[in-house]
Amino acid sequence: MKVTLRIAKGGTSLYVGAYDVTDAQSFGKMCADAWLKLAQQQLYKESSVGALMEHLENDVLDQLNGAMISVERAQ
């Protein structure tokens, strides 16, 4: 089934992606891909490698804390 994953926090969209989910494994891959994309967004925001290493792991968790995550059937 084609689905759209949306992650938003405080009215701001953090991530939107389209996926083909057929089982638990593909659902897990969808979630892992969203995590990776959020981490990549942080990579582009940081001014140095040191700053990135300091914030990388906690930043994704901080972004997702209190976020609204929805999965909808794509049309």
PDB file of N, CA and C in Angstrom:
ATOM      1  N   MET A   1       0.840  -1.157   0.000  1.00  0.00           N
ATOM      2  CA  MET A   1       0.000   0.000   0.000  1.00  0.00           C
ATOM      3  C   MET A   1       0.897   1.235   0.000  1.00  0.00           C
ATOM      4  N   LYS A   2       0.574   2.200  -0.813  1.00  0.00           N
ATOM      5  CA  LYS A   2       1.295   3.466  -0.858  1.00  0.00           C
ATOM      6  C   LYS A   2       0.788   4.344   0.287  1.00  0.00           C
ATOM      7  N   VAL A   3       1.731   4.879   1.073  1.00  0.00           N
ATOM      8  CA  VAL A   3       1.357   5.723   2.206  1.00  0.00           C
ATOM      9  C   VAL A   3       2.206   6.996   2.201  1.00  0.00           C
ATOM     10  N   THR A   4       1.695   7.989   2.893  1.00  0.00           N
ATOM     11  CA  THR A   4       2.416   9.239   3.104  1.00  0.00           C
ATOM     12  C   THR A   4       2.684   9.372   4.593  1.00  0.00           C
ATOM     13  N   LEU A   5       3.950   9.536   4.944  1.00  0.00           N
ATOM     14  CA  LEU A   5       4.363   9.756   6.328  1.00  0.00           C
ATOM     15  C   LEU A   5       4.555  11.244   6.524  1.00  0.00           C
ATOM     16  N   ARG A   6       3.903  11.802   7.531  1.00  0.00           N
ATOM     17  CA  ARG A   6       4.031  13.228   7.852  1.00  0.00           C
ATOM     18  C   ARG A   6       4.456  13.371   9.306  1.00  0.00           C
ATOM     19  N   ILE A   7       5.453  14.229   9.523  1.00  0.00           N
ATOM     20  CA  ILE A   7       5.898  14.544  10.872  1.00  0.00           C
ATOM     21  C   ILE A   7       5.847  16.051  11.020  1.00  0.00           C
ATOM     22  N   ALA A   8       5.110  16.515  12.019  1.00  0.00           N
ATOM     23  CA  ALA A   8       4.956  17.951  12.251  1.00  0.00           C
ATOM     24  C   ALA A   8       5.056  18.234  13.741  1.00  0.00           C
ATOM     25  N   LYS A   9       5.529  19.421  14.046  1.00  0.00           N
ATOM     26  CA  LYS A   9       5.630  19.827  15.446  1.00  0.00           C
ATOM     27  C   LYS A   9       5.319  21.308  15.542  1.00  0.00           C
ATOM     28  N   GLY A  10       4.388  21.641  16.406  1.00  0.00           N
ATOM     29  CA  GLY A  10       4.025  23.041  16.605  1.00  0.00           C
ATOM     30  C   GLY A  10       3.540  23.719  15.337  1.00  0.00           C
ATOM     31  N   GLY A  11       2.835  22.972  14.485  1.00  0.00           N
ATOM     32  CA  GLY A  11       2.311  23.534  13.255  1.00  0.00           C
ATOM     33  C   GLY A  11       3.326  23.636  12.123  1.00  0.00           C
ATOM     34  N   THR A  12       4.559  23.196  12.364  1.00  0.00           N
ATOM     35  CA  THR A  12       5.598  23.242  11.345  1.00  0.00           C
ATOM     36  C   THR A  12       5.889  21.834  10.851  1.00  0.00           C
ATOM     37  N   SER A  13       5.901  21.654   9.543  1.00  0.00           N
ATOM     38  CA  SER A  13       6.201  20.361   8.963  1.00  0.00           C
ATOM     39  C   SER A  13       7.699  20.077   9.063  1.00  0.00           C
ATOM     40  N   LEU A  14       8.048  18.957   9.683  1.00  0.00           N
ATOM     41  CA  LEU A  14       9.440  18.548   9.790  1.00  0.00           C
ATOM     42  C   LEU A  14       9.838  17.615   8.653  1.00  0.00           C
ATOM     43  N   TYR A  15       8.887  16.772   8.214  1.00  0.00           N
ATOM     44  CA  TYR A  15       9.196  15.789   7.181  1.00  0.00           C
ATOM     45  C   TYR A  15       7.909  15.279   6.552  1.00  0.00           C
ATOM     46  N   VAL A  16       7.952  15.071   5.240  1.00  0.00           N
ATOM     47  CA  VAL A  16       6.872  14.419   4.502  1.00  0.00           C
ATOM     48  C   VAL A  16       7.529  13.495   3.494  1.00  0.00           C
ATOM     49  N   GLY A  17       7.078  12.242   3.461  1.00  0.00           N
ATOM     50  CA  GLY A  17       7.637  11.288   2.510  1.00  0.00           C
ATOM     51  C   GLY A  17       6.598  10.272   2.082  1.00  0.00           C
ATOM     52  N   ALA A  18       6.764   9.761   0.856  1.00  0.00           N
ATOM     53  CA  ALA A  18       5.861   8.740   0.316  1.00  0.00           C
ATOM     54  C   ALA A  18       6.589   7.403   0.286  1.00  0.00           C
ATOM     55  N   TYR A  19       5.892   6.342   0.688  1.00  0.00           N
ATOM     56  CA  TYR A  19       6.496   5.016   0.793  1.00  0.00           C
ATOM     57  C   TYR A  19       5.516   3.945   0.356  1.00  0.00           C
ATOM     58  N   ASP A  20       6.061   2.787   0.011  1.00  0.00           N
ATOM     59  CA  ASP A  20       5.264   1.603  -0.260  1.00  0.00           C
ATOM     60  C   ASP A  20       5.437   0.675   0.936  1.00  0.00           C
ATOM     61  N   VAL A  21       4.401   0.537   1.750  1.00  0.00           N
ATOM     62  CA  VAL A  21       4.463  -0.271   2.965  1.00  0.00           C
ATOM     63  C   VAL A  21       3.601  -1.513   2.763  1.00  0.00           C
ATOM     64  N   THR A  22       4.246  -2.671   2.901  1.00  0.00           N
ATOM     65  CA  THR A  22       3.526  -3.931   2.705  1.00  0.00           C
ATOM     66  C   THR A  22       3.563  -4.839   3.921  1.00  0.00           C
ATOM     67  N   ASP A  23       4.527  -4.580   4.843  1.00  0.00           N
ATOM     68  CA  ASP A  23       4.665  -5.443   6.011  1.00  0.00           C
ATOM     69  C   ASP A  23       5.437  -4.690   7.102  1.00  0.00           C
ATOM     70  N   ALA A  24       5.718  -5.374   8.199  1.00  0.00           N
ATOM     71  CA  ALA A  24       6.411  -4.739   9.323  1.00  0.00           C
ATOM     72  C   ALA A  24       7.812  -4.267   8.926  1.00  0.00           C
ATOM     73  N   GLN A  25       8.483  -5.035   8.087  1.00  0.00           N
ATOM     74  CA  GLN A  25       9.833  -4.661   7.673  1.00  0.00           C
ATOM     75  C   GLN A  25       9.823  -3.370   6.850  1.00  0.00           C
ATOM     76  N   SER A  26       8.921  -3.236   5.918  1.00  0.00           N
ATOM     77  CA  SER A  26       8.865  -2.016   5.108  1.00  0.00           C
ATOM     78  C   SER A  26       8.394  -0.830   5.946  1.00  0.00           C
ATOM     79  N   PHE A  27       7.546  -1.075   6.949  1.00  0.00           N
ATOM     80  CA  PHE A  27       7.150  -0.003   7.867  1.00  0.00           C
ATOM     81  C   PHE A  27       8.367   0.471   8.660  1.00  0.00           C
ATOM     82  N   GLY A  28       9.178  -0.468   9.132  1.00  0.00           N
ATOM     83  CA  GLY A  28      10.396  -0.118   9.861  1.00  0.00           C
ATOM     84  C   GLY A  28      11.374   0.660   8.997  1.00  0.00           C
ATOM     85  N   LYS A  29      11.504   0.255   7.742  1.00  0.00           N
ATOM     86  CA  LYS A  29      12.387   0.976   6.815  1.00  0.00           C
ATOM     87  C   LYS A  29      11.887   2.394   6.590  1.00  0.00           C
ATOM     88  N   MET A  30      10.579   2.573   6.537  1.00  0.00           N
ATOM     89  CA  MET A  30      10.003   3.907   6.383  1.00  0.00           C
ATOM     90  C   MET A  30      10.398   4.786   7.569  1.00  0.00           C
ATOM     91  N   CYS A  31      10.262   4.256   8.760  1.00  0.00           N
ATOM     92  CA  CYS A  31      10.601   5.015   9.969  1.00  0.00           C
ATOM     93  C   CYS A  31      12.100   5.330  10.023  1.00  0.00           C
ATOM     94  N   ALA A  32      12.930   4.346   9.671  1.00  0.00           N
ATOM     95  CA  ALA A  32      14.378   4.557   9.663  1.00  0.00           C
ATOM     96  C   ALA A  32      14.775   5.603   8.629  1.00  0.00           C
ATOM     97  N   ASP A  33      14.119   5.597   7.478  1.00  0.00           N
ATOM     98  CA  ASP A  33      14.416   6.582   6.444  1.00  0.00           C
ATOM     99  C   ASP A  33      14.057   7.990   6.912  1.00  0.00           C
ATOM    100  N   ALA A  34      12.926   8.122   7.581  1.00  0.00           N
ATOM    101  CA  ALA A  34      12.528   9.437   8.102  1.00  0.00           C
ATOM    102  C   ALA A  34      13.545   9.928   9.130  1.00  0.00           C
ATOM    103  N   TRP A  35      14.013   9.042  10.005  1.00  0.00           N
ATOM    104  CA  TRP A  35      15.034   9.399  10.998  1.00  0.00           C
ATOM    105  C   TRP A  35      16.290   9.894  10.292  1.00  0.00           C
ATOM    106  N   LEU A  36      16.721   9.155   9.262  1.00  0.00           N
ATOM    107  CA  LEU A  36      17.918   9.520   8.516  1.00  0.00           C
ATOM    108  C   LEU A  36      17.752  10.880   7.835  1.00  0.00           C
ATOM    109  N   LYS A  37      16.596  11.132   7.260  1.00  0.00           N
ATOM    110  CA  LYS A  37      16.360  12.411   6.581  1.00  0.00           C
ATOM    111  C   LYS A  37      16.381  13.571   7.579  1.00  0.00           C
ATOM    112  N   LEU A  38      15.817  13.371   8.764  1.00  0.00           N
ATOM    113  CA  LEU A  38      15.865  14.416   9.788  1.00  0.00           C
ATOM    114  C   LEU A  38      17.306  14.670  10.231  1.00  0.00           C
ATOM    115  N   ALA A  39      18.091  13.611  10.353  1.00  0.00           N
ATOM    116  CA  ALA A  39      19.501  13.761  10.724  1.00  0.00           C
ATOM    117  C   ALA A  39      20.268  14.484   9.620  1.00  0.00           C
ATOM    118  N   GLN A  40      19.964  14.186   8.359  1.00  0.00           N
ATOM    119  CA  GLN A  40      20.623  14.862   7.250  1.00  0.00           C
ATOM    120  C   GLN A  40      20.286  16.347   7.222  1.00  0.00           C
ATOM    121  N   GLN A  41      19.047  16.676   7.550  1.00  0.00           N
ATOM    122  CA  GLN A  41      18.668  18.091   7.616  1.00  0.00           C
ATOM    123  C   GLN A  41      19.530  18.812   8.640  1.00  0.00           C
ATOM    124  N   GLN A  42      19.800  18.156   9.760  1.00  0.00           N
ATOM    125  CA  GLN A  42      20.647  18.747  10.797  1.00  0.00           C
ATOM    126  C   GLN A  42      22.067  18.928  10.287  1.00  0.00           C
ATOM    127  N   LEU A  43      22.550  17.971   9.498  1.00  0.00           N
ATOM    128  CA  LEU A  43      23.891  18.052   8.928  1.00  0.00           C
ATOM    129  C   LEU A  43      24.067  19.348   8.149  1.00  0.00           C
ATOM    130  N   TYR A  44      23.094  19.709   7.361  1.00  0.00           N
ATOM    131  CA  TYR A  44      23.188  20.910   6.534  1.00  0.00           C
ATOM    132  C   TYR A  44      23.075  22.194   7.345  1.00  0.00           C
ATOM    133  N   LYS A  45      22.515  22.112   8.547  1.00  0.00           N
ATOM    134  CA  LYS A  45      22.348  23.303   9.389  1.00  0.00           C
ATOM    135  C   LYS A  45      23.592  23.624  10.219  1.00  0.00           C
ATOM    136  N   GLU A  46      24.393  22.613  10.522  1.00  0.00           N
ATOM    137  CA  GLU A  46      25.541  22.820  11.418  1.00  0.00           C
ATOM    138  C   GLU A  46      26.686  23.542  10.717  1.00  0.00           C
ATOM    139  N   SER A  47      27.435  24.320  11.498  1.00  0.00           N
ATOM    140  CA  SER A  47      28.524  25.117  10.948  1.00  0.00           C
ATOM    141  C   SER A  47      29.850  24.376  10.900  1.00  0.00           C
ATOM    142  N   SER A  48      29.977  23.282  11.652  1.00  0.00           N
ATOM    143  CA  SER A  48      31.234  22.525  11.660  1.00  0.00           C
ATOM    144  C   SER A  48      30.959  21.071  12.004  1.00  0.00           C
ATOM    145  N   VAL A  49      31.946  20.227  11.730  1.00  0.00           N
ATOM    146  CA  VAL A  49      31.815  18.805  12.033  1.00  0.00           C
ATOM    147  C   VAL A  49      31.703  18.593  13.545  1.00  0.00           C
ATOM    148  N   GLY A  50      32.460  19.362  14.319  1.00  0.00           N
ATOM    149  CA  GLY A  50      32.400  19.246  15.774  1.00  0.00           C
ATOM    150  C   GLY A  50      31.009  19.554  16.309  1.00  0.00           C
ATOM    151  N   ALA A  51      30.401  20.617  15.795  1.00  0.00           N
ATOM    152  CA  ALA A  51      29.038  20.973  16.220  1.00  0.00           C
ATOM    153  C   ALA A  51      28.051  19.888  15.828  1.00  0.00           C
ATOM    154  N   LEU A  52      28.244  19.325  14.642  1.00  0.00           N
ATOM    155  CA  LEU A  52      27.358  18.249  14.190  1.00  0.00           C
ATOM    156  C   LEU A  52      27.454  17.043  15.109  1.00  0.00           C
ATOM    157  N   MET A  53      28.654  16.613  15.432  1.00  0.00           N
ATOM    158  CA  MET A  53      28.841  15.441  16.290  1.00  0.00           C
ATOM    159  C   MET A  53      28.262  15.673  17.683  1.00  0.00           C
ATOM    160  N   GLU A  54      28.311  16.902  18.143  1.00  0.00           N
ATOM    161  CA  GLU A  54      27.786  17.229  19.466  1.00  0.00           C
ATOM    162  C   GLU A  54      26.267  17.158  19.509  1.00  0.00           C
ATOM    163  N   HIS A  55      25.600  17.505  18.419  1.00  0.00           N
ATOM    164  CA  HIS A  55      24.145  17.625  18.413  1.00  0.00           C
ATOM    165  C   HIS A  55      23.406  16.507  17.683  1.00  0.00           C
ATOM    166  N   LEU A  56      24.093  15.710  16.900  1.00  0.00           N
ATOM    167  CA  LEU A  56      23.430  14.799  15.980  1.00  0.00           C
ATOM    168  C   LEU A  56      22.458  13.836  16.649  1.00  0.00           C
ATOM    169  N   GLU A  57      22.886  13.067  17.620  1.00  0.00           N
ATOM    170  CA  GLU A  57      22.002  12.051  18.203  1.00  0.00           C
ATOM    171  C   GLU A  57      20.835  12.652  18.969  1.00  0.00           C
ATOM    172  N   ASN A  58      21.090  13.657  19.762  1.00  0.00           N
ATOM    173  CA  ASN A  58      20.019  14.233  20.571  1.00  0.00           C
ATOM    174  C   ASN A  58      19.085  15.111  19.760  1.00  0.00           C
ATOM    175  N   ASP A  59      19.562  15.702  18.667  1.00  0.00           N
ATOM    176  CA  ASP A  59      18.730  16.632  17.925  1.00  0.00           C
ATOM    177  C   ASP A  59      17.515  15.951  17.304  1.00  0.00           C
ATOM    178  N   VAL A  60      17.684  14.775  16.730  1.00  0.00           N
ATOM    179  CA  VAL A  60      16.549  14.080  16.127  1.00  0.00           C
ATOM    180  C   VAL A  60      15.530  13.725  17.200  1.00  0.00           C
ATOM    181  N   LEU A  61      15.999  13.250  18.330  1.00  0.00           N
ATOM    182  CA  LEU A  61      15.070  12.948  19.430  1.00  0.00           C
ATOM    183  C   LEU A  61      14.351  14.205  19.901  1.00  0.00           C
ATOM    184  N   ASP A  62      15.081  15.299  20.015  1.00  0.00           N
ATOM    185  CA  ASP A  62      14.459  16.564  20.428  1.00  0.00           C
ATOM    186  C   ASP A  62      13.410  17.012  19.424  1.00  0.00           C
ATOM    187  N   GLN A  63      13.688  16.839  18.131  1.00  0.00           N
ATOM    188  CA  GLN A  63      12.710  17.217  17.106  1.00  0.00           C
ATOM    189  C   GLN A  63      11.452  16.367  17.207  1.00  0.00           C
ATOM    190  N   LEU A  64      11.613  15.087  17.483  1.00  0.00           N
ATOM    191  CA  LEU A  64      10.471  14.181  17.517  1.00  0.00           C
ATOM    192  C   LEU A  64       9.694  14.234  18.832  1.00  0.00           C
ATOM    193  N   ASN A  65      10.315  14.727  19.898  1.00  0.00           N
ATOM    194  CA  ASN A  65       9.636  14.834  21.182  1.00  0.00           C
ATOM    195  C   ASN A  65       8.468  15.808  21.063  1.00  0.00           C
ATOM    196  N   GLY A  66       7.264  15.304  21.210  1.00  0.00           N
ATOM    197  CA  GLY A  66       6.057  16.125  21.117  1.00  0.00           C
ATOM    198  C   GLY A  66       5.562  16.331  19.698  1.00  0.00           C
ATOM    199  N   ALA A  67       6.195  15.679  18.729  1.00  0.00           N
ATOM    200  CA  ALA A  67       5.782  15.824  17.329  1.00  0.00           C
ATOM    201  C   ALA A  67       4.557  14.952  17.044  1.00  0.00           C
ATOM    202  N   MET A  68       3.819  15.341  16.027  1.00  0.00           N
ATOM    203  CA  MET A  68       2.680  14.554  15.576  1.00  0.00           C
ATOM    204  C   MET A  68       3.129  13.779  14.339  1.00  0.00           C
ATOM    205  N   ILE A  69       3.026  12.464  14.409  1.00  0.00           N
ATOM    206  CA  ILE A  69       3.429  11.596  13.315  1.00  0.00           C
ATOM    207  C   ILE A  69       2.176  10.916  12.776  1.00  0.00           C
ATOM    208  N   SER A  70       1.950  11.067  11.458  1.00  0.00           N
ATOM    209  CA  SER A  70       0.763  10.456  10.867  1.00  0.00           C
ATOM    210  C   SER A  70       1.148   9.668   9.616  1.00  0.00           C
ATOM    211  N   VAL A  71       0.434   8.575   9.398  1.00  0.00           N
ATOM    212  CA  VAL A  71       0.604   7.753   8.217  1.00  0.00           C
ATOM    213  C   VAL A  71      -0.766   7.666   7.555  1.00  0.00           C
ATOM    214  N   GLU A  72      -0.828   8.100   6.301  1.00  0.00           N
ATOM    215  CA  GLU A  72      -2.096   8.124   5.569  1.00  0.00           C
ATOM    216  C   GLU A  72      -1.954   7.385   4.251  1.00  0.00           C
ATOM    217  N   ARG A  73      -3.004   6.757   3.829  1.00  0.00           N
ATOM    218  CA  ARG A  73      -2.991   6.099   2.523  1.00  0.00           C
ATOM    219  C   ARG A  73      -2.825   7.168   1.444  1.00  0.00           C
ATOM    220  N   ALA A  74      -1.849   6.951   0.564  1.00  0.00           N
ATOM    221  CA  ALA A  74      -1.601   7.895  -0.537  1.00  0.00           C
ATOM    222  C   ALA A  74      -2.658   7.728  -1.607  1.00  0.00           C
ATOM    223  N   GLN A  75      -2.976   8.808  -2.280  1.00  0.00           N
ATOM    224  CA  GLN A  75      -4.000   8.744  -3.325  1.00  0.00           C
ATOM    225  C   GLN A  75      -3.403   8.817  -4.692  1.00  0.00           C
TER     226      GLN A  75
END
